[in-house]
Amino acid sequence: MVFPSFWLVLAPINADLGLILGILASGLSVWIRFAMSKRIIVSEKYLQIGKATIPRNVLGQATVIVQSEQFSERGPRLDARAFVALKALSGLVKVQVEDSNDPTPYILISTRRPTQLAEALNK
């Protein structure tokens, strides 16, 4: 909706300018969306979710939450101390935190590829 908004606002003044600025603003909004999105990176030593970096040696079992249980995991059963990285995605993975010094009981991550994430973390 960025493109039509720019074009319609600027059409009475200069339609060509509205077209050019609409295209540029649309491209900029898409770039910002991708640049600001949280990326999930699994390495041998760390799990990185956005700017958070968690050592793999404190992580326990990673489980894929089935579709029918996802609402309750994100709502009524959600522990207030949990680290949550949720987006509007269909997959959900729950990773136990086994650090006695950390009050965080688990990490809840939404992802497009929950099975692959769980497999990578359980290696």
PDB file of N, CA and C in Angstrom:
ATOM      1  N   MET A   1       0.812  -1.197   0.000  1.00  0.00           N
ATOM      2  CA  MET A   1       0.000   0.000   0.000  1.00  0.00           C
ATOM      3  C   MET A   1       0.856   1.263   0.000  1.00  0.00           C
ATOM      4  N   VAL A   2       2.161   1.121   0.137  1.00  0.00           N
ATOM      5  CA  VAL A   2       3.042   2.284   0.122  1.00  0.00           C
ATOM      6  C   VAL A   2       3.036   2.938  -1.257  1.00  0.00           C
ATOM      7  N   PHE A   3       3.168   2.116  -2.295  1.00  0.00           N
ATOM      8  CA  PHE A   3       3.226   2.649  -3.651  1.00  0.00           C
ATOM      9  C   PHE A   3       1.968   3.431  -4.019  1.00  0.00           C
ATOM     10  N   PRO A   4       0.759   2.865  -3.868  1.00  0.00           N
ATOM     11  CA  PRO A   4      -0.430   3.641  -4.241  1.00  0.00           C
ATOM     12  C   PRO A   4      -0.612   4.900  -3.397  1.00  0.00           C
ATOM     13  N   SER A   5      -0.203   4.841  -2.140  1.00  0.00           N
ATOM     14  CA  SER A   5      -0.334   6.023  -1.286  1.00  0.00           C
ATOM     15  C   SER A   5       0.509   7.179  -1.808  1.00  0.00           C
ATOM     16  N   PHE A   6       1.756   6.905  -2.131  1.00  0.00           N
ATOM     17  CA  PHE A   6       2.624   7.955  -2.665  1.00  0.00           C
ATOM     18  C   PHE A   6       2.091   8.471  -3.999  1.00  0.00           C
ATOM     19  N   TRP A   7       1.683   7.554  -4.858  1.00  0.00           N
ATOM     20  CA  TRP A   7       1.225   7.967  -6.178  1.00  0.00           C
ATOM     21  C   TRP A   7      -0.042   8.811  -6.089  1.00  0.00           C
ATOM     22  N   LEU A   8      -0.994   8.387  -5.262  1.00  0.00           N
ATOM     23  CA  LEU A   8      -2.239   9.139  -5.141  1.00  0.00           C
ATOM     24  C   LEU A   8      -2.045  10.513  -4.499  1.00  0.00           C
ATOM     25  N   VAL A   9      -1.167  10.599  -3.524  1.00  0.00           N
ATOM     26  CA  VAL A   9      -0.929  11.883  -2.869  1.00  0.00           C
ATOM     27  C   VAL A   9      -0.232  12.855  -3.819  1.00  0.00           C
ATOM     28  N   LEU A  10       0.723  12.363  -4.584  1.00  0.00           N
ATOM     29  CA  LEU A  10       1.501  13.236  -5.448  1.00  0.00           C
ATOM     30  C   LEU A  10       0.952  13.371  -6.865  1.00  0.00           C
ATOM     31  N   ALA A  11      -0.074  12.601  -7.224  1.00  0.00           N
ATOM     32  CA  ALA A  11      -0.624  12.644  -8.584  1.00  0.00           C
ATOM     33  C   ALA A  11      -1.135  14.032  -8.973  1.00  0.00           C
ATOM     34  N   PRO A  12      -1.827  14.742  -8.099  1.00  0.00           N
ATOM     35  CA  PRO A  12      -2.275  16.091  -8.515  1.00  0.00           C
ATOM     36  C   PRO A  12      -1.118  17.060  -8.768  1.00  0.00           C
ATOM     37  N   ILE A  13      -0.004  16.846  -8.107  1.00  0.00           N
ATOM     38  CA  ILE A  13       1.145  17.744  -8.273  1.00  0.00           C
ATOM     39  C   ILE A  13       1.984  17.309  -9.466  1.00  0.00           C
ATOM     40  N   ASN A  14       2.425  16.031  -9.432  1.00  0.00           N
ATOM     41  CA  ASN A  14       3.254  15.489 -10.502  1.00  0.00           C
ATOM     42  C   ASN A  14       3.136  13.963 -10.453  1.00  0.00           C
ATOM     43  N   ALA A  15       2.434  13.388 -11.406  1.00  0.00           N
ATOM     44  CA  ALA A  15       2.190  11.941 -11.411  1.00  0.00           C
ATOM     45  C   ALA A  15       3.480  11.150 -11.569  1.00  0.00           C
ATOM     46  N   ASP A  16       4.404  11.644 -12.374  1.00  0.00           N
ATOM     47  CA  ASP A  16       5.678  10.942 -12.572  1.00  0.00           C
ATOM     48  C   ASP A  16       6.503  10.916 -11.278  1.00  0.00           C
ATOM     49  N   LEU A  17       6.506  12.027 -10.576  1.00  0.00           N
ATOM     50  CA  LEU A  17       7.211  12.080  -9.296  1.00  0.00           C
ATOM     51  C   LEU A  17       6.578  11.117  -8.295  1.00  0.00           C
ATOM     52  N   GLY A  18       5.251  11.058  -8.269  1.00  0.00           N
ATOM     53  CA  GLY A  18       4.547  10.115  -7.392  1.00  0.00           C
ATOM     54  C   GLY A  18       4.880   8.678  -7.725  1.00  0.00           C
ATOM     55  N   LEU A  19       4.996   8.374  -9.018  1.00  0.00           N
ATOM     56  CA  LEU A  19       5.357   7.022  -9.453  1.00  0.00           C
ATOM     57  C   LEU A  19       6.766   6.664  -8.996  1.00  0.00           C
ATOM     58  N   ILE A  20       7.704   7.559  -9.210  1.00  0.00           N
ATOM     59  CA  ILE A  20       9.100   7.294  -8.837  1.00  0.00           C
ATOM     60  C   ILE A  20       9.250   7.176  -7.321  1.00  0.00           C
ATOM     61  N   LEU A  21       8.677   8.126  -6.575  1.00  0.00           N
ATOM     62  CA  LEU A  21       8.782   8.059  -5.116  1.00  0.00           C
ATOM     63  C   LEU A  21       8.038   6.859  -4.543  1.00  0.00           C
ATOM     64  N   GLY A  22       6.932   6.468  -5.171  1.00  0.00           N
ATOM     65  CA  GLY A  22       6.197   5.281  -4.727  1.00  0.00           C
ATOM     66  C   GLY A  22       7.028   4.018  -4.868  1.00  0.00           C
ATOM     67  N   ILE A  23       7.704   3.899  -5.993  1.00  0.00           N
ATOM     68  CA  ILE A  23       8.576   2.737  -6.221  1.00  0.00           C
ATOM     69  C   ILE A  23       9.737   2.733  -5.225  1.00  0.00           C
ATOM     70  N   LEU A  24      10.366   3.885  -5.032  1.00  0.00           N
ATOM     71  CA  LEU A  24      11.487   3.973  -4.091  1.00  0.00           C
ATOM     72  C   LEU A  24      11.045   3.683  -2.656  1.00  0.00           C
ATOM     73  N   ALA A  25       9.908   4.237  -2.248  1.00  0.00           N
ATOM     74  CA  ALA A  25       9.417   4.006  -0.888  1.00  0.00           C
ATOM     75  C   ALA A  25       9.033   2.550  -0.675  1.00  0.00           C
ATOM     76  N   SER A  26       8.458   1.910  -1.689  1.00  0.00           N
ATOM     77  CA  SER A  26       8.109   0.489  -1.575  1.00  0.00           C
ATOM     78  C   SER A  26       9.359  -0.359  -1.422  1.00  0.00           C
ATOM     79  N   GLY A  27      10.367  -0.064  -2.245  1.00  0.00           N
ATOM     80  CA  GLY A  27      11.631  -0.802  -2.135  1.00  0.00           C
ATOM     81  C   GLY A  27      12.289  -0.603  -0.786  1.00  0.00           C
ATOM     82  N   LEU A  28      12.266   0.616  -0.282  1.00  0.00           N
ATOM     83  CA  LEU A  28      12.844   0.903   1.028  1.00  0.00           C
ATOM     84  C   LEU A  28      12.101   0.175   2.146  1.00  0.00           C
ATOM     85  N   SER A  29      10.788   0.121   2.068  1.00  0.00           N
ATOM     86  CA  SER A  29      10.024  -0.566   3.121  1.00  0.00           C
ATOM     87  C   SER A  29      10.285  -2.071   3.117  1.00  0.00           C
ATOM     88  N   VAL A  30      10.440  -2.660   1.935  1.00  0.00           N
ATOM     89  CA  VAL A  30      10.765  -4.090   1.856  1.00  0.00           C
ATOM     90  C   VAL A  30      12.163  -4.337   2.416  1.00  0.00           C
ATOM     91  N   TRP A  31      13.122  -3.485   2.061  1.00  0.00           N
ATOM     92  CA  TRP A  31      14.482  -3.639   2.573  1.00  0.00           C
ATOM     93  C   TRP A  31      14.520  -3.508   4.090  1.00  0.00           C
ATOM     94  N   ILE A  32      13.800  -2.538   4.656  1.00  0.00           N
ATOM     95  CA  ILE A  32      13.757  -2.360   6.114  1.00  0.00           C
ATOM     96  C   ILE A  32      13.152  -3.573   6.789  1.00  0.00           C
ATOM     97  N   ARG A  33      12.112  -4.134   6.200  1.00  0.00           N
ATOM     98  CA  ARG A  33      11.474  -5.322   6.789  1.00  0.00           C
ATOM     99  C   ARG A  33      12.466  -6.488   6.880  1.00  0.00           C
ATOM    100  N   PHE A  34      13.226  -6.714   5.828  1.00  0.00           N
ATOM    101  CA  PHE A  34      14.195  -7.807   5.854  1.00  0.00           C
ATOM    102  C   PHE A  34      15.391  -7.488   6.747  1.00  0.00           C
ATOM    103  N   ALA A  35      15.835  -6.255   6.751  1.00  0.00           N
ATOM    104  CA  ALA A  35      16.993  -5.880   7.558  1.00  0.00           C
ATOM    105  C   ALA A  35      16.688  -5.941   9.050  1.00  0.00           C
ATOM    106  N   MET A  36      15.473  -5.655   9.443  1.00  0.00           N
ATOM    107  CA  MET A  36      15.109  -5.614  10.854  1.00  0.00           C
ATOM    108  C   MET A  36      14.561  -6.949  11.373  1.00  0.00           C
ATOM    109  N   SER A  37      14.393  -7.929  10.514  1.00  0.00           N
ATOM    110  CA  SER A  37      13.826  -9.203  10.953  1.00  0.00           C
ATOM    111  C   SER A  37      14.835  -9.984  11.799  1.00  0.00           C
ATOM    112  N   LYS A  38      14.309 -10.734  12.748  1.00  0.00           N
ATOM    113  CA  LYS A  38      15.171 -11.559  13.600  1.00  0.00           C
ATOM    114  C   LYS A  38      15.602 -12.791  12.818  1.00  0.00           C
ATOM    115  N   ARG A  39      16.893 -13.028  12.824  1.00  0.00           N
ATOM    116  CA  ARG A  39      17.424 -14.214  12.165  1.00  0.00           C
ATOM    117  C   ARG A  39      17.806 -15.233  13.226  1.00  0.00           C
ATOM    118  N   ILE A  40      17.572 -16.483  12.921  1.00  0.00           N
ATOM    119  CA  ILE A  40      17.926 -17.574  13.825  1.00  0.00           C
ATOM    120  C   ILE A  40      19.153 -18.259  13.232  1.00  0.00           C
ATOM    121  N   ILE A  41      20.245 -18.252  13.992  1.00  0.00           N
ATOM    122  CA  ILE A  41      21.497 -18.851  13.537  1.00  0.00           C
ATOM    123  C   ILE A  41      21.932 -19.888  14.565  1.00  0.00           C
ATOM    124  N   VAL A  42      22.152 -21.104  14.095  1.00  0.00           N
ATOM    125  CA  VAL A  42      22.611 -22.184  14.972  1.00  0.00           C
ATOM    126  C   VAL A  42      24.031 -22.544  14.561  1.00  0.00           C
ATOM    127  N   SER A  43      24.967 -22.378  15.500  1.00  0.00           N
ATOM    128  CA  SER A  43      26.347 -22.792  15.255  1.00  0.00           C
ATOM    129  C   SER A  43      26.686 -23.901  16.255  1.00  0.00           C
ATOM    130  N   GLU A  44      27.919 -24.356  16.212  1.00  0.00           N
ATOM    131  CA  GLU A  44      28.325 -25.417  17.127  1.00  0.00           C
ATOM    132  C   GLU A  44      28.345 -24.949  18.575  1.00  0.00           C
ATOM    133  N   LYS A  45      28.610 -23.664  18.794  1.00  0.00           N
ATOM    134  CA  LYS A  45      28.745 -23.153  20.157  1.00  0.00           C
ATOM    135  C   LYS A  45      27.583 -22.286  20.617  1.00  0.00           C
ATOM    136  N   TYR A  46      26.841 -21.670  19.673  1.00  0.00           N
ATOM    137  CA  TYR A  46      25.820 -20.705  20.064  1.00  0.00           C
ATOM    138  C   TYR A  46      24.526 -20.870  19.286  1.00  0.00           C
ATOM    139  N   LEU A  47      23.443 -20.416  19.905  1.00  0.00           N
ATOM    140  CA  LEU A  47      22.168 -20.202  19.241  1.00  0.00           C
ATOM    141  C   LEU A  47      21.953 -18.701  19.265  1.00  0.00           C
ATOM    142  N   GLN A  48      21.794 -18.117  18.101  1.00  0.00           N
ATOM    143  CA  GLN A  48      21.588 -16.675  18.025  1.00  0.00           C
ATOM    144  C   GLN A  48      20.209 -16.406  17.459  1.00  0.00           C
ATOM    145  N   ILE A  49      19.429 -15.611  18.215  1.00  0.00           N
ATOM    146  CA  ILE A  49      18.089 -15.208  17.794  1.00  0.00           C
ATOM    147  C   ILE A  49      18.065 -13.691  17.827  1.00  0.00           C
ATOM    148  N   GLY A  50      18.120 -13.076  16.672  1.00  0.00           N
ATOM    149  CA  GLY A  50      18.213 -11.618  16.628  1.00  0.00           C
ATOM    150  C   GLY A  50      19.527 -11.180  17.246  1.00  0.00           C
ATOM    151  N   LYS A  51      19.457 -10.349  18.286  1.00  0.00           N
ATOM    152  CA  LYS A  51      20.661  -9.890  18.969  1.00  0.00           C
ATOM    153  C   LYS A  51      21.022 -10.755  20.174  1.00  0.00           C
ATOM    154  N   ALA A  52      20.156 -11.680  20.539  1.00  0.00           N
ATOM    155  CA  ALA A  52      20.415 -12.557  21.687  1.00  0.00           C
ATOM    156  C   ALA A  52      21.310 -13.721  21.262  1.00  0.00           C
ATOM    157  N   THR A  53      22.344 -13.983  22.050  1.00  0.00           N
ATOM    158  CA  THR A  53      23.247 -15.103  21.799  1.00  0.00           C
ATOM    159  C   THR A  53      23.248 -15.996  23.025  1.00  0.00           C
ATOM    160  N   ILE A  54      22.889 -17.267  22.824  1.00  0.00           N
ATOM    161  CA  ILE A  54      22.772 -18.223  23.923  1.00  0.00           C
ATOM    162  C   ILE A  54      23.763 -19.357  23.683  1.00  0.00           C
ATOM    163  N   PRO A  55      24.631 -19.666  24.658  1.00  0.00           N
ATOM    164  CA  PRO A  55      25.564 -20.786  24.485  1.00  0.00           C
ATOM    165  C   PRO A  55      24.804 -22.111  24.366  1.00  0.00           C
ATOM    166  N   ARG A  56      25.241 -22.962  23.471  1.00  0.00           N
ATOM    167  CA  ARG A  56      24.569 -24.252  23.250  1.00  0.00           C
ATOM    168  C   ARG A  56      24.720 -25.189  24.437  1.00  0.00           C
ATOM    169  N   ASN A  57      25.773 -25.008  25.258  1.00  0.00           N
ATOM    170  CA  ASN A  57      25.986 -25.934  26.371  1.00  0.00           C
ATOM    171  C   ASN A  57      24.955 -25.760  27.489  1.00  0.00           C
ATOM    172  N   VAL A  58      24.174 -24.673  27.480  1.00  0.00           N
ATOM    173  CA  VAL A  58      23.126 -24.489  28.495  1.00  0.00           C
ATOM    174  C   VAL A  58      21.751 -24.871  27.964  1.00  0.00           C
ATOM    175  N   LEU A  59      21.684 -25.274  26.699  1.00  0.00           N
ATOM    176  CA  LEU A  59      20.400 -25.632  26.102  1.00  0.00           C
ATOM    177  C   LEU A  59      20.132 -27.115  26.242  1.00  0.00           C
ATOM    178  N   GLY A  60      18.891 -27.427  26.540  1.00  0.00           N
ATOM    179  CA  GLY A  60      18.473 -28.817  26.654  1.00  0.00           C
ATOM    180  C   GLY A  60      17.760 -29.271  25.392  1.00  0.00           C
ATOM    181  N   GLN A  61      16.761 -30.108  25.577  1.00  0.00           N
ATOM    182  CA  GLN A  61      16.001 -30.696  24.489  1.00  0.00           C
ATOM    183  C   GLN A  61      15.155 -29.648  23.764  1.00  0.00           C
ATOM    184  N   ALA A  62      15.174 -29.696  22.434  1.00  0.00           N
ATOM    185  CA  ALA A  62      14.322 -28.831  21.600  1.00  0.00           C
ATOM    186  C   ALA A  62      13.185 -29.682  21.052  1.00  0.00           C
ATOM    187  N   THR A  63      11.962 -29.213  21.228  1.00  0.00           N
ATOM    188  CA  THR A  63      10.794 -29.950  20.751  1.00  0.00           C
ATOM    189  C   THR A  63       9.936 -29.066  19.868  1.00  0.00           C
ATOM    190  N   VAL A  64       9.393 -29.678  18.831  1.00  0.00           N
ATOM    191  CA  VAL A  64       8.470 -28.980  17.941  1.00  0.00           C
ATOM    192  C   VAL A  64       7.085 -29.045  18.569  1.00  0.00           C
ATOM    193  N   ILE A  65       6.430 -27.907  18.689  1.00  0.00           N
ATOM    194  CA  ILE A  65       5.081 -27.842  19.248  1.00  0.00           C
ATOM    195  C   ILE A  65       4.096 -28.035  18.100  1.00  0.00           C
ATOM    196  N   VAL A  66       3.203 -29.007  18.252  1.00  0.00           N
ATOM    197  CA  VAL A  66       2.216 -29.280  17.202  1.00  0.00           C
ATOM    198  C   VAL A  66       1.216 -28.133  17.107  1.00  0.00           C
ATOM    199  N   GLN A  67       0.600 -28.010  15.955  1.00  0.00           N
ATOM    200  CA  GLN A  67      -0.299 -26.899  15.659  1.00  0.00           C
ATOM    201  C   GLN A  67      -1.415 -26.754  16.694  1.00  0.00           C
ATOM    202  N   SER A  68      -1.980 -27.863  17.150  1.00  0.00           N
ATOM    203  CA  SER A  68      -3.106 -27.802  18.093  1.00  0.00           C
ATOM    204  C   SER A  68      -2.694 -27.296  19.480  1.00  0.00           C
ATOM    205  N   GLU A  69      -1.415 -27.365  19.820  1.00  0.00           N
ATOM    206  CA  GLU A  69      -0.931 -26.928  21.128  1.00  0.00           C
ATOM    207  C   GLU A  69      -0.305 -25.532  21.114  1.00  0.00           C
ATOM    208  N   GLN A  70      -0.130 -24.951  19.942  1.00  0.00           N
ATOM    209  CA  GLN A  70       0.592 -23.679  19.840  1.00  0.00           C
ATOM    210  C   GLN A  70      -0.116 -22.527  20.542  1.00  0.00           C
ATOM    211  N   PHE A  71      -1.424 -22.453  20.458  1.00  0.00           N
ATOM    212  CA  PHE A  71      -2.147 -21.355  21.106  1.00  0.00           C
ATOM    213  C   PHE A  71      -1.935 -21.380  22.610  1.00  0.00           C
ATOM    214  N   SER A  72      -2.044 -22.542  23.215  1.00  0.00           N
ATOM    215  CA  SER A  72      -1.885 -22.619  24.671  1.00  0.00           C
ATOM    216  C   SER A  72      -0.435 -22.408  25.088  1.00  0.00           C
ATOM    217  N   GLU A  73       0.531 -22.809  24.267  1.00  0.00           N
ATOM    218  CA  GLU A  73       1.942 -22.568  24.594  1.00  0.00           C
ATOM    219  C   GLU A  73       2.285 -21.080  24.554  1.00  0.00           C
ATOM    220  N   ARG A  74       1.655 -20.350  23.633  1.00  0.00           N
ATOM    221  CA  ARG A  74       1.894 -18.911  23.537  1.00  0.00           C
ATOM    222  C   ARG A  74       1.021 -18.120  24.503  1.00  0.00           C
ATOM    223  N   GLY A  75       0.018 -18.746  25.076  1.00  0.00           N
ATOM    224  CA  GLY A  75      -0.928 -18.038  25.936  1.00  0.00           C
ATOM    225  C   GLY A  75      -0.960 -18.559  27.357  1.00  0.00           C
ATOM    226  N   PRO A  76      -1.945 -19.395  27.697  1.00  0.00           N
ATOM    227  CA  PRO A  76      -2.143 -19.811  29.086  1.00  0.00           C
ATOM    228  C   PRO A  76      -0.969 -20.558  29.722  1.00  0.00           C
ATOM    229  N   ARG A  77      -0.249 -21.358  28.951  1.00  0.00           N
ATOM    230  CA  ARG A  77       0.865 -22.128  29.525  1.00  0.00           C
ATOM    231  C   ARG A  77       2.207 -21.409  29.445  1.00  0.00           C
ATOM    232  N   LEU A  78       2.227 -20.202  28.918  1.00  0.00           N
ATOM    233  CA  LEU A  78       3.481 -19.468  28.776  1.00  0.00           C
ATOM    234  C   LEU A  78       3.991 -19.022  30.143  1.00  0.00           C
ATOM    235  N   ASP A  79       5.233 -19.369  30.438  1.00  0.00           N
ATOM    236  CA  ASP A  79       5.884 -18.939  31.676  1.00  0.00           C
ATOM    237  C   ASP A  79       6.388 -17.513  31.481  1.00  0.00           C
ATOM    238  N   ALA A  80       6.122 -16.651  32.427  1.00  0.00           N
ATOM    239  CA  ALA A  80       6.513 -15.244  32.316  1.00  0.00           C
ATOM    240  C   ALA A  80       8.025 -15.074  32.256  1.00  0.00           C
ATOM    241  N   ARG A  81       8.781 -16.046  32.726  1.00  0.00           N
ATOM    242  CA  ARG A  81      10.244 -15.954  32.725  1.00  0.00           C
ATOM    243  C   ARG A  81      10.864 -16.462  31.431  1.00  0.00           C
ATOM    244  N   ALA A  82      10.075 -17.011  30.540  1.00  0.00           N
ATOM    245  CA  ALA A  82      10.592 -17.596  29.301  1.00  0.00           C
ATOM    246  C   ALA A  82      11.089 -16.527  28.342  1.00  0.00           C
ATOM    247  N   PHE A  83      12.117 -16.886  27.568  1.00  0.00           N
ATOM    248  CA  PHE A  83      12.589 -16.032  26.486  1.00  0.00           C
ATOM    249  C   PHE A  83      11.739 -16.347  25.269  1.00  0.00           C
ATOM    250  N   VAL A  84      11.087 -15.338  24.727  1.00  0.00           N
ATOM    251  CA  VAL A  84      10.130 -15.545  23.644  1.00  0.00           C
ATOM    252  C   VAL A  84      10.573 -14.770  22.414  1.00  0.00           C
ATOM    253  N   ALA A  85      10.643 -15.461  21.277  1.00  0.00           N
ATOM    254  CA  ALA A  85      10.936 -14.844  19.983  1.00  0.00           C
ATOM    255  C   ALA A  85       9.842 -15.284  19.019  1.00  0.00           C
ATOM    256  N   LEU A  86       8.726 -14.569  19.069  1.00  0.00           N
ATOM    257  CA  LEU A  86       7.563 -14.957  18.278  1.00  0.00           C
ATOM    258  C   LEU A  86       7.331 -13.995  17.126  1.00  0.00           C
ATOM    259  N   LYS A  87       6.915 -14.575  16.018  1.00  0.00           N
ATOM    260  CA  LYS A  87       6.464 -13.837  14.846  1.00  0.00           C
ATOM    261  C   LYS A  87       5.155 -14.496  14.417  1.00  0.00           C
ATOM    262  N   ALA A  88       4.557 -13.978  13.395  1.00  0.00           N
ATOM    263  CA  ALA A  88       3.320 -14.564  12.877  1.00  0.00           C
ATOM    264  C   ALA A  88       3.666 -15.699  11.911  1.00  0.00           C
ATOM    265  N   LEU A  89       4.282 -16.748  12.436  1.00  0.00           N
ATOM    266  CA  LEU A  89       4.681 -17.894  11.630  1.00  0.00           C
ATOM    267  C   LEU A  89       4.012 -19.149  12.168  1.00  0.00           C
ATOM    268  N   SER A  90       3.906 -20.164  11.338  1.00  0.00           N
ATOM    269  CA  SER A  90       3.152 -21.355  11.718  1.00  0.00           C
ATOM    270  C   SER A  90       3.930 -22.356  12.572  1.00  0.00           C
ATOM    271  N   GLY A  91       5.243 -22.330  12.566  1.00  0.00           N
ATOM    272  CA  GLY A  91       6.028 -23.294  13.327  1.00  0.00           C
ATOM    273  C   GLY A  91       6.449 -22.755  14.682  1.00  0.00           C
ATOM    274  N   LEU A  92       6.532 -23.648  15.670  1.00  0.00           N
ATOM    275  CA  LEU A  92       6.912 -23.243  17.024  1.00  0.00           C
ATOM    276  C   LEU A  92       7.816 -24.307  17.625  1.00  0.00           C
ATOM    277  N   VAL A  93       8.939 -23.863  18.211  1.00  0.00           N
ATOM    278  CA  VAL A  93       9.905 -24.761  18.838  1.00  0.00           C
ATOM    279  C   VAL A  93      10.134 -24.292  20.267  1.00  0.00           C
ATOM    280  N   LYS A  94      10.150 -25.262  21.185  1.00  0.00           N
ATOM    281  CA  LYS A  94      10.405 -24.984  22.598  1.00  0.00           C
ATOM    282  C   LYS A  94      11.731 -25.635  22.975  1.00  0.00           C
ATOM    283  N   VAL A  95      12.660 -24.808  23.494  1.00  0.00           N
ATOM    284  CA  VAL A  95      13.990 -25.289  23.857  1.00  0.00           C
ATOM    285  C   VAL A  95      14.168 -25.104  25.360  1.00  0.00           C
ATOM    286  N   GLN A  96      14.447 -26.187  26.064  1.00  0.00           N
ATOM    287  CA  GLN A  96      14.655 -26.128  27.513  1.00  0.00           C
ATOM    288  C   GLN A  96      16.012 -25.493  27.811  1.00  0.00           C
ATOM    289  N   VAL A  97      16.054 -24.682  28.873  1.00  0.00           N
ATOM    290  CA  VAL A  97      17.309 -24.078  29.339  1.00  0.00           C
ATOM    291  C   VAL A  97      17.715 -24.814  30.606  1.00  0.00           C
ATOM    292  N   GLU A  98      18.917 -25.387  30.610  1.00  0.00           N
ATOM    293  CA  GLU A  98      19.375 -26.216  31.724  1.00  0.00           C
ATOM    294  C   GLU A  98      20.504 -25.554  32.512  1.00  0.00           C
ATOM    295  N   ASP A  99      20.465 -24.240  32.626  1.00  0.00           N
ATOM    296  CA  ASP A  99      21.458 -23.502  33.402  1.00  0.00           C
ATOM    297  C   ASP A  99      20.858 -23.197  34.766  1.00  0.00           C
ATOM    298  N   SER A 100      21.482 -23.693  35.830  1.00  0.00           N
ATOM    299  CA  SER A 100      20.945 -23.490  37.179  1.00  0.00           C
ATOM    300  C   SER A 100      21.024 -22.030  37.619  1.00  0.00           C
ATOM    301  N   ASN A 101      21.906 -21.239  37.020  1.00  0.00           N
ATOM    302  CA  ASN A 101      22.043 -19.820  37.365  1.00  0.00           C
ATOM    303  C   ASN A 101      21.086 -18.916  36.584  1.00  0.00           C
ATOM    304  N   ASP A 102      20.420 -19.466  35.598  1.00  0.00           N
ATOM    305  CA  ASP A 102      19.522 -18.683  34.751  1.00  0.00           C
ATOM    306  C   ASP A 102      18.076 -18.971  35.128  1.00  0.00           C
ATOM    307  N   PRO A 103      17.283 -17.960  35.458  1.00  0.00           N
ATOM    308  CA  PRO A 103      15.885 -18.204  35.817  1.00  0.00           C
ATOM    309  C   PRO A 103      14.991 -18.520  34.622  1.00  0.00           C
ATOM    310  N   THR A 104      15.521 -18.384  33.411  1.00  0.00           N
ATOM    311  CA  THR A 104      14.733 -18.660  32.212  1.00  0.00           C
ATOM    312  C   THR A 104      14.510 -20.169  32.076  1.00  0.00           C
ATOM    313  N   PRO A 105      13.249 -20.640  32.120  1.00  0.00           N
ATOM    314  CA  PRO A 105      13.009 -22.076  32.027  1.00  0.00           C
ATOM    315  C   PRO A 105      13.128 -22.639  30.608  1.00  0.00           C
ATOM    316  N   TYR A 106      12.756 -21.835  29.613  1.00  0.00           N
ATOM    317  CA  TYR A 106      12.814 -22.305  28.230  1.00  0.00           C
ATOM    318  C   TYR A 106      12.792 -21.127  27.272  1.00  0.00           C
ATOM    319  N   ILE A 107      13.073 -21.460  25.998  1.00  0.00           N
ATOM    320  CA  ILE A 107      13.036 -20.476  24.917  1.00  0.00           C
ATOM    321  C   ILE A 107      11.945 -20.926  23.955  1.00  0.00           C
ATOM    322  N   LEU A 108      11.075 -20.013  23.578  1.00  0.00           N
ATOM    323  CA  LEU A 108       9.992 -20.304  22.645  1.00  0.00           C
ATOM    324  C   LEU A 108      10.249 -19.518  21.362  1.00  0.00           C
ATOM    325  N   ILE A 109      10.424 -20.252  20.249  1.00  0.00           N
ATOM    326  CA  ILE A 109      10.837 -19.643  18.993  1.00  0.00           C
ATOM    327  C   ILE A 109       9.836 -19.991  17.897  1.00  0.00           C
ATOM    328  N   SER A 110       9.346 -18.995  17.196  1.00  0.00           N
ATOM    329  CA  SER A 110       8.524 -19.264  16.017  1.00  0.00           C
ATOM    330  C   SER A 110       9.425 -19.236  14.787  1.00  0.00           C
ATOM    331  N   THR A 111       9.179 -20.152  13.869  1.00  0.00           N
ATOM    332  CA  THR A 111      10.021 -20.294  12.693  1.00  0.00           C
ATOM    333  C   THR A 111       9.234 -20.941  11.560  1.00  0.00           C
ATOM    334  N   ARG A 112       9.712 -20.750  10.348  1.00  0.00           N
ATOM    335  CA  ARG A 112       9.091 -21.403   9.196  1.00  0.00           C
ATOM    336  C   ARG A 112       9.498 -22.874   9.103  1.00  0.00           C
ATOM    337  N   ARG A 113      10.628 -23.218   9.692  1.00  0.00           N
ATOM    338  CA  ARG A 113      11.157 -24.587   9.601  1.00  0.00           C
ATOM    339  C   ARG A 113      11.400 -25.162  11.000  1.00  0.00           C
ATOM    340  N   PRO A 114      10.339 -25.482  11.732  1.00  0.00           N
ATOM    341  CA  PRO A 114      10.522 -25.939  13.108  1.00  0.00           C
ATOM    342  C   PRO A 114      11.250 -27.279  13.219  1.00  0.00           C
ATOM    343  N   THR A 115      11.006 -28.186  12.308  1.00  0.00           N
ATOM    344  CA  THR A 115      11.652 -29.499  12.370  1.00  0.00           C
ATOM    345  C   THR A 115      13.156 -29.373  12.166  1.00  0.00           C
ATOM    346  N   GLN A 116      13.565 -28.562  11.203  1.00  0.00           N
ATOM    347  CA  GLN A 116      14.995 -28.376  10.939  1.00  0.00           C
ATOM    348  C   GLN A 116      15.682 -27.700  12.122  1.00  0.00           C
ATOM    349  N   LEU A 117      15.024 -26.720  12.731  1.00  0.00           N
ATOM    350  CA  LEU A 117      15.612 -26.033  13.891  1.00  0.00           C
ATOM    351  C   LEU A 117      15.771 -27.000  15.058  1.00  0.00           C
ATOM    352  N   ALA A 118      14.751 -27.780  15.346  1.00  0.00           N
ATOM    353  CA  ALA A 118      14.825 -28.740  16.448  1.00  0.00           C
ATOM    354  C   ALA A 118      15.917 -29.772  16.207  1.00  0.00           C
ATOM    355  N   GLU A 119      16.038 -30.265  14.985  1.00  0.00           N
ATOM    356  CA  GLU A 119      17.071 -31.240  14.659  1.00  0.00           C
ATOM    357  C   GLU A 119      18.462 -30.648  14.823  1.00  0.00           C
ATOM    358  N   ALA A 120      18.633 -29.402  14.384  1.00  0.00           N
ATOM    359  CA  ALA A 120      19.941 -28.745  14.498  1.00  0.00           C
ATOM    360  C   ALA A 120      20.313 -28.524  15.966  1.00  0.00           C
ATOM    361  N   LEU A 121      19.351 -28.207  16.805  1.00  0.00           N
ATOM    362  CA  LEU A 121      19.638 -27.964  18.217  1.00  0.00           C
ATOM    363  C   LEU A 121      19.828 -29.255  19.007  1.00  0.00           C
ATOM    364  N   ASN A 122      19.235 -30.344  18.551  1.00  0.00           N
ATOM    365  CA  ASN A 122      19.340 -31.622  19.270  1.00  0.00           C
ATOM    366  C   ASN A 122      20.557 -32.431  18.860  1.00  0.00           C
ATOM    367  N   LYS A 123      21.389 -31.925  17.950  1.00  0.00           N
ATOM    368  CA  LYS A 123      22.603 -32.653  17.537  1.00  0.00           C
ATOM    369  C   LYS A 123      23.616 -32.665  18.655  1.00  0.00           C
TER     370      LYS A 123
END
